Amino acid sequence: MDDGFLMEVCVDSVESAVNAERGGAGRIELCAGLVEGGTTPSMGLLQVVKQCVRVPVFVMIRPRGGDFLYSDREVEVMKADIRLAKLHGADGLVFGALTEDGRIDTELCTALLVRKDNEIESCKRSLKLQQEVPCAVPCQSHFIAAKGRIVVVPGGGITERNLQRILEGSAASEFHCSARSARDSGMKFRNPNITMGASFSAPEYSIKVADVAKVRTLNAIAKNIL
């Protein structure tokens, strides 16, 4: 946080990770399936991203889309993914869990955070906090727990149109965004009669990636405020 603030950009591709760093991101949240809010990325994606960027890479640990109430088997998947993410160079982890009544599942979060081998030193728990932590501004938030510190990070729908209001209203020194734009696929052969996945899924020939210009704009806004 040399500039007095830290911008984290969530990405789901190598291209987006490189663009985020070029635009001035201080940290990357690596996911798959951003259309579902982010799920655990492949370890291959993590390895290549780590080769291509120098900023810290935090890995999403989320076995599926949907809510944050997990079964015992899903928890085992999360534990296995944590071990693999650390093995493949993750600088931190992104995860969250709620109880059936919508409160933070502190027991599960603690079990995932504190490993017997003490390999995981820092972790970000990405949660829907409205049940217990009311936000001062209309956006979702998550918090980072790292080496005894807790930092609330505004995120979810942050754009150049609302960042100033959010930072001034929350007094946050970090924020989280995707800063994406759509670009057309280079695919020349296109079959409009067949689609991958459900009919309501994202267009196949339009790819959303982190936009260097958008990242730079958000970076500049934060610099002027913080």
C-alpha atoms as a PDB file:
ATOM      1  CA  MET A   1       0.000   0.000   0.000  1.00  0.00           C
ATOM      2  CA  ASP A   2       2.667   2.497  -1.050  1.00  0.00           C
ATOM      3  CA  ASP A   3      -0.023   4.897  -2.311  1.00  0.00           C
ATOM      4  CA  GLY A   4      -1.980   4.818   0.953  1.00  0.00           C
ATOM      5  CA  PHE A   5      -4.608   2.482  -0.498  1.00  0.00           C
ATOM      6  CA  LEU A   6      -4.845  -0.940  -2.098  1.00  0.00           C
ATOM      7  CA  MET A   7      -6.967  -1.859  -5.094  1.00  0.00           C
ATOM      8  CA  GLU A   8      -7.824  -5.531  -5.496  1.00  0.00           C
ATOM      9  CA  VAL A   9      -9.131  -6.719  -8.860  1.00  0.00           C
ATOM     10  CA  CYS A  10     -11.001 -10.023  -9.165  1.00  0.00           C
ATOM     11  CA  VAL A  11     -10.118 -11.935 -12.337  1.00  0.00           C
ATOM     12  CA  ASP A  12     -10.862 -15.286 -13.932  1.00  0.00           C
ATOM     13  CA  SER A  13      -8.213 -15.440 -16.662  1.00  0.00           C
ATOM     14  CA  VAL A  14      -4.518 -14.846 -17.262  1.00  0.00           C
ATOM     15  CA  GLU A  15      -5.353 -11.967 -19.594  1.00  0.00           C
ATOM     16  CA  SER A  16      -7.372 -10.231 -16.897  1.00  0.00           C
ATOM     17  CA  ALA A  17      -4.654 -10.775 -14.300  1.00  0.00           C
ATOM     18  CA  VAL A  18      -2.031  -9.178 -16.543  1.00  0.00           C
ATOM     19  CA  ASN A  19      -4.360  -6.276 -17.384  1.00  0.00           C
ATOM     20  CA  ALA A  20      -5.158  -5.706 -13.717  1.00  0.00           C
ATOM     21  CA  GLU A  21      -1.484  -5.451 -12.809  1.00  0.00           C
ATOM     22  CA  ARG A  22      -0.787  -3.150 -15.776  1.00  0.00           C
ATOM     23  CA  GLY A  23      -3.587  -0.870 -14.615  1.00  0.00           C
ATOM     24  CA  GLY A  24      -2.197  -0.552 -11.116  1.00  0.00           C
ATOM     25  CA  ALA A  25      -3.893  -3.260  -9.064  1.00  0.00           C
ATOM     26  CA  GLY A  26      -2.048  -4.019  -5.844  1.00  0.00           C
ATOM     27  CA  ARG A  27      -3.559  -7.464  -5.407  1.00  0.00           C
ATOM     28  CA  ILE A  28      -5.425  -9.997  -7.513  1.00  0.00           C
ATOM     29  CA  GLU A  29      -8.316 -12.193  -6.439  1.00  0.00           C
ATOM     30  CA  LEU A  30      -8.198 -15.245  -8.697  1.00  0.00           C
ATOM     31  CA  CYS A  31     -11.465 -17.024  -9.404  1.00  0.00           C
ATOM     32  CA  ALA A  32     -13.298 -19.113 -11.922  1.00  0.00           C
ATOM     33  CA  GLY A  33     -16.896 -18.430 -12.934  1.00  0.00           C
ATOM     34  CA  LEU A  34     -17.264 -14.747 -12.105  1.00  0.00           C
ATOM     35  CA  VAL A  35     -20.762 -14.952 -13.584  1.00  0.00           C
ATOM     36  CA  GLU A  36     -21.619 -16.977 -10.440  1.00  0.00           C
ATOM     37  CA  GLY A  37     -19.789 -14.595  -8.126  1.00  0.00           C
ATOM     38  CA  GLY A  38     -16.545 -16.551  -8.301  1.00  0.00           C
ATOM     39  CA  THR A  39     -15.617 -20.172  -7.632  1.00  0.00           C
ATOM     40  CA  THR A  40     -12.333 -21.993  -7.059  1.00  0.00           C
ATOM     41  CA  PRO A  41      -9.995 -21.613 -10.069  1.00  0.00           C
ATOM     42  CA  SER A  42      -7.952 -24.445 -11.534  1.00  0.00           C
ATOM     43  CA  MET A  43      -4.451 -24.914 -10.208  1.00  0.00           C
ATOM     44  CA  GLY A  44      -3.218 -24.588 -13.790  1.00  0.00           C
ATOM     45  CA  LEU A  45      -4.670 -21.087 -13.936  1.00  0.00           C
ATOM     46  CA  LEU A  46      -3.025 -20.234 -10.616  1.00  0.00           C
ATOM     47  CA  GLN A  47       0.375 -21.491 -11.774  1.00  0.00           C
ATOM     48  CA  VAL A  48       0.347 -19.511 -15.020  1.00  0.00           C
ATOM     49  CA  VAL A  49      -0.965 -16.333 -13.367  1.00  0.00           C
ATOM     50  CA  LYS A  50       1.812 -16.540 -10.787  1.00  0.00           C
ATOM     51  CA  GLN A  51       4.312 -16.749 -13.637  1.00  0.00           C
ATOM     52  CA  CYS A  52       2.854 -13.664 -15.330  1.00  0.00           C
ATOM     53  CA  VAL A  53       2.313 -11.171 -12.488  1.00  0.00           C
ATOM     54  CA  ARG A  54       4.286  -9.938  -9.505  1.00  0.00           C
ATOM     55  CA  VAL A  55       1.494  -8.628  -7.287  1.00  0.00           C
ATOM     56  CA  PRO A  56       0.052 -10.944  -4.617  1.00  0.00           C
ATOM     57  CA  VAL A  57      -2.529 -13.458  -5.830  1.00  0.00           C
ATOM     58  CA  PHE A  58      -5.335 -14.469  -3.470  1.00  0.00           C
ATOM     59  CA  VAL A  59      -7.255 -17.591  -4.517  1.00  0.00           C
ATOM     60  CA  MET A  60     -10.996 -18.014  -4.168  1.00  0.00           C
ATOM     61  CA  ILE A  61     -12.004 -21.149  -2.242  1.00  0.00           C
ATOM     62  CA  ARG A  62     -15.637 -21.739  -3.147  1.00  0.00           C
ATOM     63  CA  PRO A  63     -16.664 -25.196  -4.394  1.00  0.00           C
ATOM     64  CA  ARG A  64     -19.815 -24.036  -6.187  1.00  0.00           C
ATOM     65  CA  GLY A  65     -22.023 -21.072  -6.949  1.00  0.00           C
ATOM     66  CA  GLY A  66     -25.060 -20.258  -4.885  1.00  0.00           C
ATOM     67  CA  ASP A  67     -25.195 -19.668  -1.150  1.00  0.00           C
ATOM     68  CA  PHE A  68     -22.476 -20.065   1.489  1.00  0.00           C
ATOM     69  CA  LEU A  69     -24.024 -22.949   3.454  1.00  0.00           C
ATOM     70  CA  TYR A  70     -21.775 -25.934   2.795  1.00  0.00           C
ATOM     71  CA  SER A  71     -22.188 -29.676   3.318  1.00  0.00           C
ATOM     72  CA  ASP A  72     -19.525 -31.800   4.994  1.00  0.00           C
ATOM     73  CA  ARG A  73     -18.307 -33.086   1.624  1.00  0.00           C
ATOM     74  CA  GLU A  74     -18.096 -29.560   0.245  1.00  0.00           C
ATOM     75  CA  VAL A  75     -15.994 -28.589   3.257  1.00  0.00           C
ATOM     76  CA  GLU A  76     -13.620 -31.455   2.465  1.00  0.00           C
ATOM     77  CA  VAL A  77     -13.298 -30.106  -1.080  1.00  0.00           C
ATOM     78  CA  MET A  78     -12.514 -26.648   0.329  1.00  0.00           C
ATOM     79  CA  LYS A  79      -9.828 -28.056   2.617  1.00  0.00           C
ATOM     80  CA  ALA A  80      -8.237 -29.950  -0.250  1.00  0.00           C
ATOM     81  CA  ASP A  81      -8.312 -26.837  -2.457  1.00  0.00           C
ATOM     82  CA  ILE A  82      -6.652 -24.809   0.311  1.00  0.00           C
ATOM     83  CA  ARG A  83      -3.784 -27.302   0.498  1.00  0.00           C
ATOM     84  CA  LEU A  84      -3.355 -27.286  -3.281  1.00  0.00           C
ATOM     85  CA  ALA A  85      -3.587 -23.502  -3.589  1.00  0.00           C
ATOM     86  CA  LYS A  86      -0.837 -23.022  -1.032  1.00  0.00           C
ATOM     87  CA  LEU A  87       1.262 -25.700  -2.728  1.00  0.00           C
ATOM     88  CA  HIS A  88       0.962 -23.864  -6.052  1.00  0.00           C
ATOM     89  CA  GLY A  89       1.939 -20.452  -4.737  1.00  0.00           C
ATOM     90  CA  ALA A  90      -1.215 -18.716  -3.501  1.00  0.00           C
ATOM     91  CA  ASP A  91      -0.361 -15.626  -1.443  1.00  0.00           C
ATOM     92  CA  GLY A  92      -3.686 -15.709   0.372  1.00  0.00           C
ATOM     93  CA  LEU A  93      -7.117 -17.298   0.302  1.00  0.00           C
ATOM     94  CA  VAL A  94     -10.630 -16.003  -0.263  1.00  0.00           C
ATOM     95  CA  PHE A  95     -13.477 -17.898   1.381  1.00  0.00           C
ATOM     96  CA  GLY A  96     -16.604 -17.554   3.443  1.00  0.00           C
ATOM     97  CA  ALA A  97     -19.257 -19.630   5.152  1.00  0.00           C
ATOM     98  CA  LEU A  98     -22.628 -18.859   6.678  1.00  0.00           C
ATOM     99  CA  THR A  99     -24.946 -20.759   8.976  1.00  0.00           C
ATOM    100  CA  GLU A 100     -28.446 -21.650   7.830  1.00  0.00           C
ATOM    101  CA  ASP A 101     -29.819 -18.498   9.516  1.00  0.00           C
ATOM    102  CA  GLY A 102     -27.417 -16.258   7.605  1.00  0.00           C
ATOM    103  CA  ARG A 103     -24.803 -15.602  10.263  1.00  0.00           C
ATOM    104  CA  ILE A 104     -21.057 -16.026   9.865  1.00  0.00           C
ATOM    105  CA  ASP A 105     -20.079 -19.647  10.502  1.00  0.00           C
ATOM    106  CA  THR A 106     -17.180 -18.783  12.794  1.00  0.00           C
ATOM    107  CA  GLU A 107     -16.437 -22.421  13.591  1.00  0.00           C
ATOM    108  CA  LEU A 108     -15.993 -23.395   9.946  1.00  0.00           C
ATOM    109  CA  CYS A 109     -14.152 -20.195   9.006  1.00  0.00           C
ATOM    110  CA  THR A 110     -11.731 -20.747  11.873  1.00  0.00           C
ATOM    111  CA  ALA A 111     -11.206 -24.389  10.883  1.00  0.00           C
ATOM    112  CA  LEU A 112     -10.385 -23.333   7.325  1.00  0.00           C
ATOM    113  CA  LEU A 113      -8.211 -20.427   8.429  1.00  0.00           C
ATOM    114  CA  VAL A 114      -6.131 -22.155  11.072  1.00  0.00           C
ATOM    115  CA  ARG A 115      -4.271 -25.129   9.611  1.00  0.00           C
ATOM    116  CA  LYS A 116      -2.348 -27.554  11.791  1.00  0.00           C
ATOM    117  CA  ASP A 117       0.734 -27.141   9.640  1.00  0.00           C
ATOM    118  CA  ASN A 118       0.483 -23.345  10.022  1.00  0.00           C
ATOM    119  CA  GLU A 119       0.974 -22.904   6.296  1.00  0.00           C
ATOM    120  CA  ILE A 120      -1.779 -20.359   5.887  1.00  0.00           C
ATOM    121  CA  GLU A 121      -0.702 -17.080   7.477  1.00  0.00           C
ATOM    122  CA  SER A 122      -3.284 -14.770   5.979  1.00  0.00           C
ATOM    123  CA  CYS A 123      -6.757 -15.175   4.634  1.00  0.00           C
ATOM    124  CA  LYS A 124      -9.578 -13.116   3.271  1.00  0.00           C
ATOM    125  CA  ARG A 125     -13.079 -14.195   4.157  1.00  0.00           C
ATOM    126  CA  SER A 126     -15.492 -13.045   1.459  1.00  0.00           C
ATOM    127  CA  LEU A 127     -18.936 -12.966   3.029  1.00  0.00           C
ATOM    128  CA  LYS A 128     -22.357 -11.442   2.772  1.00  0.00           C
ATOM    129  CA  LEU A 129     -22.124  -9.430   5.964  1.00  0.00           C
ATOM    130  CA  GLN A 130     -25.487  -7.686   6.024  1.00  0.00           C
ATOM    131  CA  GLN A 131     -26.715  -9.888   8.880  1.00  0.00           C
ATOM    132  CA  GLU A 132     -24.047  -8.743  11.321  1.00  0.00           C
ATOM    133  CA  VAL A 133     -22.178  -5.789   9.835  1.00  0.00           C
ATOM    134  CA  PRO A 134     -24.398  -3.034   8.378  1.00  0.00           C
ATOM    135  CA  CYS A 135     -22.647  -1.142   5.574  1.00  0.00           C
ATOM    136  CA  ALA A 136     -22.377   2.633   5.611  1.00  0.00           C
ATOM    137  CA  VAL A 137     -22.597   2.654   1.820  1.00  0.00           C
ATOM    138  CA  PRO A 138     -24.804   0.624  -0.556  1.00  0.00           C
ATOM    139  CA  CYS A 139     -22.375  -2.102  -1.571  1.00  0.00           C
ATOM    140  CA  GLN A 140     -21.312  -5.538  -0.447  1.00  0.00           C
ATOM    141  CA  SER A 141     -18.253  -5.812   1.751  1.00  0.00           C
ATOM    142  CA  HIS A 142     -15.826  -8.458   2.851  1.00  0.00           C
ATOM    143  CA  PHE A 143     -13.055  -8.410   5.371  1.00  0.00           C
ATOM    144  CA  ILE A 144      -9.473  -9.517   5.496  1.00  0.00           C
ATOM    145  CA  ALA A 145      -8.053 -11.281   8.524  1.00  0.00           C
ATOM    146  CA  ALA A 146      -4.281 -11.300   8.355  1.00  0.00           C
ATOM    147  CA  LYS A 147      -1.697 -11.462  11.136  1.00  0.00           C
ATOM    148  CA  GLY A 148      -4.057 -10.106  13.767  1.00  0.00           C
ATOM    149  CA  ARG A 149      -5.535  -7.322  11.587  1.00  0.00           C
ATOM    150  CA  ILE A 150      -9.071  -7.050  10.310  1.00  0.00           C
ATOM    151  CA  VAL A 151      -9.655  -4.763   7.325  1.00  0.00           C
ATOM    152  CA  VAL A 152     -13.124  -4.107   5.889  1.00  0.00           C
ATOM    153  CA  VAL A 153     -12.973  -3.951   2.086  1.00  0.00           C
ATOM    154  CA  PRO A 154     -15.867  -2.462   0.064  1.00  0.00           C
ATOM    155  CA  GLY A 155     -16.667  -4.441  -3.064  1.00  0.00           C
ATOM    156  CA  GLY A 156     -19.439  -5.568  -5.367  1.00  0.00           C
ATOM    157  CA  GLY A 157     -20.496  -3.213  -8.152  1.00  0.00           C
ATOM    158  CA  ILE A 158     -17.742  -0.640  -7.673  1.00  0.00           C
ATOM    159  CA  THR A 159     -17.287   1.567 -10.737  1.00  0.00           C
ATOM    160  CA  GLU A 160     -15.752   4.927 -11.581  1.00  0.00           C
ATOM    161  CA  ARG A 161     -19.213   6.444 -10.952  1.00  0.00           C
ATOM    162  CA  ASN A 162     -19.518   5.399  -7.310  1.00  0.00           C
ATOM    163  CA  LEU A 163     -15.973   4.782  -6.015  1.00  0.00           C
ATOM    164  CA  GLN A 164     -15.462   8.273  -4.606  1.00  0.00           C
ATOM    165  CA  ARG A 165     -18.725   8.169  -2.653  1.00  0.00           C
ATOM    166  CA  ILE A 166     -17.969   4.669  -1.343  1.00  0.00           C
ATOM    167  CA  LEU A 167     -14.443   5.488  -0.187  1.00  0.00           C
ATOM    168  CA  GLU A 168     -15.499   8.758   1.433  1.00  0.00           C
ATOM    169  CA  GLY A 169     -18.508   7.136   3.103  1.00  0.00           C
ATOM    170  CA  SER A 170     -16.641   4.117   4.425  1.00  0.00           C
ATOM    171  CA  ALA A 171     -13.180   5.581   5.160  1.00  0.00           C
ATOM    172  CA  ALA A 172     -11.809   2.352   3.674  1.00  0.00           C
ATOM    173  CA  SER A 173      -8.185   2.138   2.582  1.00  0.00           C
ATOM    174  CA  GLU A 174      -8.750  -0.872   0.320  1.00  0.00           C
ATOM    175  CA  PHE A 175     -11.409  -1.700  -2.261  1.00  0.00           C
ATOM    176  CA  HIS A 176     -12.376  -4.594  -4.507  1.00  0.00           C
ATOM    177  CA  CYS A 177     -13.599  -4.474  -8.109  1.00  0.00           C
ATOM    178  CA  SER A 178     -13.591  -6.350 -11.411  1.00  0.00           C
ATOM    179  CA  ALA A 179     -13.252  -3.364 -13.811  1.00  0.00           C
ATOM    180  CA  ARG A 180     -14.226  -5.499 -16.786  1.00  0.00           C
ATOM    181  CA  SER A 181     -15.200  -4.731 -20.350  1.00  0.00           C
ATOM    182  CA  ALA A 182     -16.431  -7.075 -23.066  1.00  0.00           C
ATOM    183  CA  ARG A 183     -14.283  -7.808 -26.075  1.00  0.00           C
ATOM    184  CA  ASP A 184     -15.253  -9.738 -29.173  1.00  0.00           C
ATOM    185  CA  SER A 185     -13.889 -13.261 -29.618  1.00  0.00           C
ATOM    186  CA  GLY A 186     -11.433 -13.921 -32.410  1.00  0.00           C
ATOM    187  CA  MET A 187     -13.485 -16.933 -33.452  1.00  0.00           C
ATOM    188  CA  LYS A 188     -14.450 -16.788 -37.145  1.00  0.00           C
ATOM    189  CA  PHE A 189     -16.648 -19.871 -37.287  1.00  0.00           C
ATOM    190  CA  ARG A 190     -19.787 -19.271 -35.246  1.00  0.00           C
ATOM    191  CA  ASN A 191     -22.800 -21.540 -34.914  1.00  0.00           C
ATOM    192  CA  PRO A 192     -25.774 -19.586 -33.495  1.00  0.00           C
ATOM    193  CA  ASN A 193     -27.858 -22.753 -33.133  1.00  0.00           C
ATOM    194  CA  ILE A 194     -25.665 -24.437 -30.517  1.00  0.00           C
ATOM    195  CA  THR A 195     -24.515 -22.960 -27.216  1.00  0.00           C
ATOM    196  CA  MET A 196     -22.345 -24.183 -24.379  1.00  0.00           C
ATOM    197  CA  GLY A 197     -24.355 -24.377 -21.180  1.00  0.00           C
ATOM    198  CA  ALA A 198     -27.807 -22.994 -20.507  1.00  0.00           C
ATOM    199  CA  SER A 199     -29.479 -20.535 -22.840  1.00  0.00           C
ATOM    200  CA  PHE A 200     -29.213 -17.779 -20.207  1.00  0.00           C
ATOM    201  CA  SER A 201     -25.416 -18.134 -19.899  1.00  0.00           C
ATOM    202  CA  ALA A 202     -22.979 -15.444 -21.039  1.00  0.00           C
ATOM    203  CA  PRO A 203     -22.620 -14.946 -24.820  1.00  0.00           C
ATOM    204  CA  GLU A 204     -20.034 -17.348 -26.222  1.00  0.00           C
ATOM    205  CA  TYR A 205     -18.387 -14.903 -28.580  1.00  0.00           C
ATOM    206  CA  SER A 206     -18.096 -11.990 -26.161  1.00  0.00           C
ATOM    207  CA  ILE A 207     -15.396 -12.294 -23.521  1.00  0.00           C
ATOM    208  CA  LYS A 208     -15.267 -10.139 -20.398  1.00  0.00           C
ATOM    209  CA  VAL A 209     -11.775  -9.211 -19.236  1.00  0.00           C
ATOM    210  CA  ALA A 210     -10.257  -6.700 -16.847  1.00  0.00           C
ATOM    211  CA  ASP A 211      -9.915  -3.401 -18.698  1.00  0.00           C
ATOM    212  CA  VAL A 212      -6.540  -1.667 -18.225  1.00  0.00           C
ATOM    213  CA  ALA A 213      -8.106   1.765 -18.758  1.00  0.00           C
ATOM    214  CA  LYS A 214     -10.863   1.128 -16.199  1.00  0.00           C
ATOM    215  CA  VAL A 215      -8.356  -0.135 -13.632  1.00  0.00           C
ATOM    216  CA  ARG A 216      -6.213   2.966 -14.170  1.00  0.00           C
ATOM    217  CA  THR A 217      -9.237   5.249 -13.810  1.00  0.00           C
ATOM    218  CA  LEU A 218     -10.263   3.646 -10.511  1.00  0.00           C
ATOM    219  CA  ASN A 219      -6.669   3.813  -9.360  1.00  0.00           C
ATOM    220  CA  ALA A 220      -6.515   7.541 -10.121  1.00  0.00           C
ATOM    221  CA  ILE A 221      -9.805   8.232  -8.289  1.00  0.00           C
ATOM    222  CA  ALA A 222      -8.527   6.433  -5.186  1.00  0.00           C
ATOM    223  CA  LYS A 223      -5.218   8.335  -5.312  1.00  0.00           C
ATOM    224  CA  ASN A 224      -7.084  11.645  -5.286  1.00  0.00           C
ATOM    225  CA  ILE A 225      -9.138  10.666  -2.250  1.00  0.00           C
ATOM    226  CA  LEU A 226      -6.827   8.617  -0.031  1.00  0.00           C
END
